[in-house]
Amino acid sequence: MEYLTERITIDAEVCNGKPTIRGKRITVQTILEFLTAGDTPQDILTQYPSLEMADIYACLQFATALVSHRYTIKTTV
């Protein structure tokens, strides 16, 4: 298991190698999709009692770090 942050991990054997929260089978993508759909952090914590508020914030920080990189779009022939 590789720790990307204190709370976000990647393990090739868990969730097909997607970033998860503390090695659990709960992906960062899942949490972001719930938030995007309008669920509150408290709604998520109710559905996933093993999570902590800091886990949800870690997902947001992880997503912020990803989009803070500079990207270049190149046309391919």
Protein backbone atom coordinates (compact mmCIF):
# COMPACT_ATOMS: atom_id res chain seq x y z
CA MET A 1 0.00 0.00 0.00
CA GLU A 2 1.26 3.45 -0.88
CA TYR A 3 0.25 6.52 1.09
CA LEU A 4 -0.43 9.51 -1.15
CA THR A 5 -1.39 11.57 1.88
CA GLU A 6 -1.94 10.71 5.52
CA ARG A 7 -5.44 9.44 4.67
CA ILE A 8 -5.43 8.67 0.94
CA THR A 9 -3.88 5.37 -0.12
CA ILE A 10 -3.40 3.31 -3.25
CA ASP A 11 -3.19 -0.46 -3.19
CA ALA A 12 -3.30 -2.45 -6.43
CA GLU A 13 -5.31 -5.12 -4.59
CA VAL A 14 -8.02 -2.74 -3.34
CA CYS A 15 -10.62 -1.18 -5.65
CA ASN A 16 -8.51 -1.84 -8.75
CA GLY A 17 -5.79 0.51 -7.54
CA LYS A 18 -7.99 3.59 -7.27
CA PRO A 19 -7.21 6.05 -4.47
CA THR A 20 -9.08 4.99 -1.33
CA ILE A 21 -9.54 6.31 2.16
CA ARG A 22 -7.11 4.70 4.61
CA GLY A 23 -7.04 1.44 2.65
CA LYS A 24 -10.78 0.89 3.03
CA ARG A 25 -12.89 -0.09 0.08
CA ILE A 26 -14.25 3.44 -0.15
CA THR A 27 -12.77 5.40 -3.05
CA VAL A 28 -12.05 9.09 -3.19
CA GLN A 29 -14.17 9.13 -6.34
CA THR A 30 -17.18 7.77 -4.43
CA ILE A 31 -16.96 10.52 -1.82
CA LEU A 32 -16.57 13.22 -4.47
CA GLU A 33 -19.55 11.85 -6.39
CA PHE A 34 -21.71 11.97 -3.25
CA LEU A 35 -20.68 15.58 -2.62
CA THR A 36 -21.31 16.49 -6.26
CA ALA A 37 -24.78 14.95 -6.05
CA GLY A 38 -25.60 17.28 -3.17
CA ASP A 39 -25.03 15.01 -0.18
CA THR A 40 -23.62 16.76 2.87
CA PRO A 41 -20.56 15.50 4.68
CA GLN A 42 -22.88 14.46 7.51
CA ASP A 43 -24.96 12.39 5.05
CA ILE A 44 -21.79 10.59 3.96
CA LEU A 45 -20.67 9.97 7.54
CA THR A 46 -24.08 8.48 8.29
CA GLN A 47 -23.80 6.11 5.31
CA TYR A 48 -20.16 5.25 6.08
CA PRO A 49 -19.78 5.26 9.88
CA SER A 50 -16.15 4.12 9.66
CA LEU A 51 -15.21 7.44 8.04
CA GLU A 52 -14.27 10.63 9.82
CA MET A 53 -14.84 14.22 8.76
CA ALA A 54 -11.08 14.49 8.16
CA ASP A 55 -11.41 11.74 5.52
CA ILE A 56 -13.91 13.81 3.55
CA TYR A 57 -11.67 16.87 3.74
CA ALA A 58 -8.73 14.70 2.61
CA CYS A 59 -10.71 13.72 -0.50
CA LEU A 60 -11.31 17.38 -1.31
CA GLN A 61 -7.66 18.24 -0.70
CA PHE A 62 -6.59 15.35 -2.93
CA ALA A 63 -8.86 16.53 -5.75
CA THR A 64 -7.60 20.09 -5.33
CA ALA A 65 -4.01 18.89 -5.58
CA LEU A 66 -4.79 17.00 -8.80
CA VAL A 67 -6.32 19.99 -10.54
CA SER A 68 -3.61 22.36 -9.35
CA HIS A 69 -1.13 20.79 -11.77
CA ARG A 70 -0.50 22.41 -15.10
CA TYR A 71 -1.92 20.48 -18.04
CA THR A 72 -1.17 20.85 -21.73
CA ILE A 73 -3.49 19.60 -24.44
CA LYS A 74 -1.67 18.32 -27.47
CA THR A 75 -3.22 17.43 -30.79
CA THR A 76 -2.29 14.02 -32.13
CA VAL A 77 -2.32 13.05 -35.76
